[in-house]
Amino acid sequence: MTDEATFRFSERYPLRHTDSFGGTPFVHGGVLLALTEIALAAYDEAAAIPSHRDVLRMQSHSEVRYRAPLRWVDAAVIQLRCTQVGNGRLVFEARVTADSTRELVAEFTHRYAYINAITGRPEIPADWPAIVAAIRAYEPDVEVVDRDD
């Protein structure tokens, strides 16, 4: 993720959880991961991405780079952007900053695949073109690929 990256979606989340890092005043990294997933649901709404019941977007893996601790007395600002779409797969970048200082706390890259909820196998949703169109309308710079990776 580069410093030049632009994020259209941004949401503020107060920190009301009880899971601290080793009894310190800092937020546990797992909470930051969860907040990026919560923010993704809000991103879907903002971008008008169709939701599903039978073919679901599932996280295949994530990478994170922690930059600074975040205190519980603060709030997290989550920024998201979709950077790549292709063949029923999506890649999102997330940036977490401290609300009080705007200091960068963590950077995430999440990869998702659409999975059939009954079979557990990858499946491209029937309305995939509508999903891609919604993301492209919201994120004009998203990379569209036609390969599996």
C-alpha atoms as a PDB file:
ATOM      1  CA  MET A   1       0.000   0.000   0.000  1.00  0.00           C
ATOM      2  CA  THR A   2       1.378   3.383  -0.912  1.00  0.00           C
ATOM      3  CA  ASP A   3       1.051   6.713   0.817  1.00  0.00           C
ATOM      4  CA  GLU A   4      -0.436   8.088  -2.404  1.00  0.00           C
ATOM      5  CA  ALA A   5      -3.389   5.674  -2.191  1.00  0.00           C
ATOM      6  CA  THR A   6      -6.734   7.441  -2.136  1.00  0.00           C
ATOM      7  CA  PHE A   7      -9.598   6.104  -0.106  1.00  0.00           C
ATOM      8  CA  ARG A   8     -13.137   7.187  -0.867  1.00  0.00           C
ATOM      9  CA  PHE A   9     -14.666   5.225   2.023  1.00  0.00           C
ATOM     10  CA  SER A  10     -13.910   6.256   5.606  1.00  0.00           C
ATOM     11  CA  GLU A  11     -15.772   5.406   8.811  1.00  0.00           C
ATOM     12  CA  ARG A  12     -15.087   6.214  12.483  1.00  0.00           C
ATOM     13  CA  TYR A  13     -15.501   3.462  15.104  1.00  0.00           C
ATOM     14  CA  PRO A  14     -15.434   4.149  18.858  1.00  0.00           C
ATOM     15  CA  LEU A  15     -13.503   1.482  20.755  1.00  0.00           C
ATOM     16  CA  ARG A  16     -15.914  -0.199  23.154  1.00  0.00           C
ATOM     17  CA  HIS A  17     -14.434  -3.677  23.171  1.00  0.00           C
ATOM     18  CA  THR A  18     -12.873  -5.408  26.158  1.00  0.00           C
ATOM     19  CA  ASP A  19     -10.096  -7.314  24.399  1.00  0.00           C
ATOM     20  CA  SER A  20      -6.914  -5.421  25.206  1.00  0.00           C
ATOM     21  CA  PHE A  21      -3.371  -6.284  24.240  1.00  0.00           C
ATOM     22  CA  GLY A  22      -1.843  -8.090  27.223  1.00  0.00           C
ATOM     23  CA  GLY A  23      -3.661  -5.967  29.815  1.00  0.00           C
ATOM     24  CA  THR A  24      -2.247  -2.742  28.373  1.00  0.00           C
ATOM     25  CA  PRO A  25      -4.242   0.341  27.322  1.00  0.00           C
ATOM     26  CA  PHE A  26      -3.800  -0.724  23.680  1.00  0.00           C
ATOM     27  CA  VAL A  27      -6.220  -2.356  21.267  1.00  0.00           C
ATOM     28  CA  HIS A  28      -5.515  -5.989  20.358  1.00  0.00           C
ATOM     29  CA  GLY A  29      -4.702  -6.519  16.656  1.00  0.00           C
ATOM     30  CA  GLY A  30      -7.598  -8.947  16.273  1.00  0.00           C
ATOM     31  CA  VAL A  31     -10.000  -6.122  17.102  1.00  0.00           C
ATOM     32  CA  LEU A  32      -8.504  -4.043  14.298  1.00  0.00           C
ATOM     33  CA  LEU A  33      -9.066  -6.929  11.892  1.00  0.00           C
ATOM     34  CA  ALA A  34     -12.685  -7.212  13.035  1.00  0.00           C
ATOM     35  CA  LEU A  35     -13.204  -3.470  12.591  1.00  0.00           C
ATOM     36  CA  THR A  36     -12.059  -3.692   8.968  1.00  0.00           C
ATOM     37  CA  GLU A  37     -14.648  -6.430   8.397  1.00  0.00           C
ATOM     38  CA  ILE A  38     -17.376  -4.334  10.043  1.00  0.00           C
ATOM     39  CA  ALA A  39     -16.356  -1.408   7.859  1.00  0.00           C
ATOM     40  CA  LEU A  40     -16.605  -3.624   4.781  1.00  0.00           C
ATOM     41  CA  ALA A  41     -20.333  -4.094   5.414  1.00  0.00           C
ATOM     42  CA  ALA A  42     -20.708  -0.293   5.487  1.00  0.00           C
ATOM     43  CA  TYR A  43     -18.596  -0.048   2.310  1.00  0.00           C
ATOM     44  CA  ASP A  44     -20.979  -2.481   0.592  1.00  0.00           C
ATOM     45  CA  GLU A  45     -23.887  -0.218   1.468  1.00  0.00           C
ATOM     46  CA  ALA A  46     -22.086   2.939   0.351  1.00  0.00           C
ATOM     47  CA  ALA A  47     -21.064   1.356  -2.966  1.00  0.00           C
ATOM     48  CA  ALA A  48     -24.469  -0.359  -3.461  1.00  0.00           C
ATOM     49  CA  ILE A  49     -22.863  -3.800  -3.797  1.00  0.00           C
ATOM     50  CA  PRO A  50     -25.576  -6.491  -4.034  1.00  0.00           C
ATOM     51  CA  SER A  51     -25.770  -8.831  -1.042  1.00  0.00           C
ATOM     52  CA  HIS A  52     -26.281 -12.586  -1.235  1.00  0.00           C
ATOM     53  CA  ARG A  53     -27.547 -15.501   0.807  1.00  0.00           C
ATOM     54  CA  ASP A  54     -26.451 -18.488  -1.273  1.00  0.00           C
ATOM     55  CA  VAL A  55     -23.115 -17.300  -2.682  1.00  0.00           C
ATOM     56  CA  LEU A  56     -21.167 -15.390  -0.048  1.00  0.00           C
ATOM     57  CA  ARG A  57     -18.020 -13.269  -0.112  1.00  0.00           C
ATOM     58  CA  MET A  58     -15.544 -15.010   2.162  1.00  0.00           C
ATOM     59  CA  GLN A  59     -12.115 -13.860   3.248  1.00  0.00           C
ATOM     60  CA  SER A  60      -9.417 -16.104   1.786  1.00  0.00           C
ATOM     61  CA  HIS A  61      -6.475 -14.397   3.478  1.00  0.00           C
ATOM     62  CA  SER A  62      -5.245 -11.134   4.905  1.00  0.00           C
ATOM     63  CA  GLU A  63      -1.928  -9.409   5.353  1.00  0.00           C
ATOM     64  CA  VAL A  64      -1.326  -6.723   7.926  1.00  0.00           C
ATOM     65  CA  ARG A  65       1.444  -4.332   8.804  1.00  0.00           C
ATOM     66  CA  TYR A  66       1.150  -2.729  12.224  1.00  0.00           C
ATOM     67  CA  ARG A  67       2.639   0.739  12.433  1.00  0.00           C
ATOM     68  CA  ALA A  68       1.701   2.050  15.896  1.00  0.00           C
ATOM     69  CA  PRO A  69      -0.421   1.018  18.883  1.00  0.00           C
ATOM     70  CA  LEU A  70      -3.971   2.346  19.250  1.00  0.00           C
ATOM     71  CA  ARG A  71      -5.254   3.276  22.701  1.00  0.00           C
ATOM     72  CA  TRP A  72      -8.694   2.225  23.943  1.00  0.00           C
ATOM     73  CA  VAL A  73      -9.551   5.809  24.869  1.00  0.00           C
ATOM     74  CA  ASP A  74      -9.283   6.729  21.186  1.00  0.00           C
ATOM     75  CA  ALA A  75     -11.403   5.738  18.183  1.00  0.00           C
ATOM     76  CA  ALA A  76     -10.340   3.996  14.996  1.00  0.00           C
ATOM     77  CA  VAL A  77     -10.857   5.506  11.565  1.00  0.00           C
ATOM     78  CA  ILE A  78     -11.110   2.770   8.954  1.00  0.00           C
ATOM     79  CA  GLN A  79     -10.528   3.604   5.301  1.00  0.00           C
ATOM     80  CA  LEU A  80     -11.242   1.004   2.629  1.00  0.00           C
ATOM     81  CA  ARG A  81     -10.795   0.736  -1.078  1.00  0.00           C
ATOM     82  CA  CYS A  82     -11.229  -2.100  -3.542  1.00  0.00           C
ATOM     83  CA  THR A  83      -8.073  -2.415  -5.597  1.00  0.00           C
ATOM     84  CA  GLN A  84      -8.846  -5.448  -7.747  1.00  0.00           C
ATOM     85  CA  VAL A  85     -11.830  -7.423  -9.050  1.00  0.00           C
ATOM     86  CA  GLY A  86     -11.782 -10.555 -11.165  1.00  0.00           C
ATOM     87  CA  ASN A  87     -13.344 -13.991 -11.563  1.00  0.00           C
ATOM     88  CA  GLY A  88     -15.421 -13.839  -8.371  1.00  0.00           C
ATOM     89  CA  ARG A  89     -12.529 -12.466  -6.340  1.00  0.00           C
ATOM     90  CA  LEU A  90     -11.934  -9.093  -4.717  1.00  0.00           C
ATOM     91  CA  VAL A  91      -8.919  -7.413  -3.120  1.00  0.00           C
ATOM     92  CA  PHE A  92      -9.398  -4.619  -0.577  1.00  0.00           C
ATOM     93  CA  GLU A  93      -6.882  -2.387   1.140  1.00  0.00           C
ATOM     94  CA  ALA A  94      -7.721  -1.022   4.573  1.00  0.00           C
ATOM     95  CA  ARG A  95      -5.981   1.686   6.523  1.00  0.00           C
ATOM     96  CA  VAL A  96      -6.555   2.149  10.267  1.00  0.00           C
ATOM     97  CA  THR A  97      -5.672   5.480  11.857  1.00  0.00           C
ATOM     98  CA  ALA A  98      -6.101   6.905  15.340  1.00  0.00           C
ATOM     99  CA  ASP A  99      -8.971   9.367  15.379  1.00  0.00           C
ATOM    100  CA  SER A 100      -7.273  11.723  17.844  1.00  0.00           C
ATOM    101  CA  THR A 101      -3.971  12.101  15.998  1.00  0.00           C
ATOM    102  CA  ARG A 102      -4.600  10.657  12.498  1.00  0.00           C
ATOM    103  CA  GLU A 103      -1.484   8.542  13.095  1.00  0.00           C
ATOM    104  CA  LEU A 104      -1.328   5.414  10.931  1.00  0.00           C
ATOM    105  CA  VAL A 105      -1.950   2.353  13.114  1.00  0.00           C
ATOM    106  CA  ALA A 106      -2.166  -0.512  10.614  1.00  0.00           C
ATOM    107  CA  GLU A 107      -2.473  -1.336   6.924  1.00  0.00           C
ATOM    108  CA  PHE A 108      -4.367  -4.425   5.749  1.00  0.00           C
ATOM    109  CA  THR A 109      -4.738  -6.206   2.439  1.00  0.00           C
ATOM    110  CA  HIS A 110      -7.747  -8.539   2.393  1.00  0.00           C
ATOM    111  CA  ARG A 111      -8.465 -11.041  -0.369  1.00  0.00           C
ATOM    112  CA  TYR A 112     -11.981 -12.433  -0.826  1.00  0.00           C
ATOM    113  CA  ALA A 113     -13.578 -15.129  -2.936  1.00  0.00           C
ATOM    114  CA  TYR A 114     -17.261 -15.843  -3.440  1.00  0.00           C
ATOM    115  CA  ILE A 115     -18.215 -19.245  -2.021  1.00  0.00           C
ATOM    116  CA  ASN A 116     -21.394 -21.294  -2.399  1.00  0.00           C
ATOM    117  CA  ALA A 117     -22.883 -21.437   1.105  1.00  0.00           C
ATOM    118  CA  ILE A 118     -24.194 -24.990   0.597  1.00  0.00           C
ATOM    119  CA  THR A 119     -21.256 -26.671  -1.148  1.00  0.00           C
ATOM    120  CA  GLY A 120     -18.433 -24.568   0.314  1.00  0.00           C
ATOM    121  CA  ARG A 121     -16.879 -24.341  -3.151  1.00  0.00           C
ATOM    122  CA  PRO A 122     -15.882 -21.181  -5.024  1.00  0.00           C
ATOM    123  CA  GLU A 123     -18.638 -19.845  -7.256  1.00  0.00           C
ATOM    124  CA  ILE A 124     -19.062 -16.644  -9.201  1.00  0.00           C
ATOM    125  CA  PRO A 125     -22.421 -15.092  -8.295  1.00  0.00           C
ATOM    126  CA  ALA A 126     -24.986 -14.798 -11.090  1.00  0.00           C
ATOM    127  CA  ASP A 127     -24.986 -11.021 -10.614  1.00  0.00           C
ATOM    128  CA  TRP A 128     -21.182 -10.709 -10.782  1.00  0.00           C
ATOM    129  CA  PRO A 129     -21.430  -8.056 -13.543  1.00  0.00           C
ATOM    130  CA  ALA A 130     -23.610  -5.937 -11.202  1.00  0.00           C
ATOM    131  CA  ILE A 131     -21.076  -6.340  -8.384  1.00  0.00           C
ATOM    132  CA  VAL A 132     -18.229  -5.256 -10.675  1.00  0.00           C
ATOM    133  CA  ALA A 133     -20.280  -2.338 -12.023  1.00  0.00           C
ATOM    134  CA  ALA A 134     -21.114  -1.132  -8.490  1.00  0.00           C
ATOM    135  CA  ILE A 135     -17.464  -1.273  -7.426  1.00  0.00           C
ATOM    136  CA  ARG A 136     -16.254   0.421 -10.618  1.00  0.00           C
ATOM    137  CA  ALA A 137     -18.809   3.204 -10.164  1.00  0.00           C
ATOM    138  CA  TYR A 138     -17.604   3.714  -6.575  1.00  0.00           C
ATOM    139  CA  GLU A 139     -13.885   3.057  -7.229  1.00  0.00           C
ATOM    140  CA  PRO A 140     -13.122   4.206 -10.797  1.00  0.00           C
ATOM    141  CA  ASP A 141      -9.434   3.203 -10.489  1.00  0.00           C
ATOM    142  CA  VAL A 142     -10.067  -0.431  -9.499  1.00  0.00           C
ATOM    143  CA  GLU A 143      -8.055  -2.963 -11.496  1.00  0.00           C
ATOM    144  CA  VAL A 144     -10.197  -5.497 -13.351  1.00  0.00           C
ATOM    145  CA  VAL A 145      -8.448  -8.798 -14.040  1.00  0.00           C
ATOM    146  CA  ASP A 146      -9.601 -11.892 -15.901  1.00  0.00           C
ATOM    147  CA  ARG A 147      -7.392 -14.509 -14.309  1.00  0.00           C
ATOM    148  CA  ASP A 148      -7.347 -16.719 -11.216  1.00  0.00           C
ATOM    149  CA  ASP A 149      -4.766 -15.932  -8.529  1.00  0.00           C
END
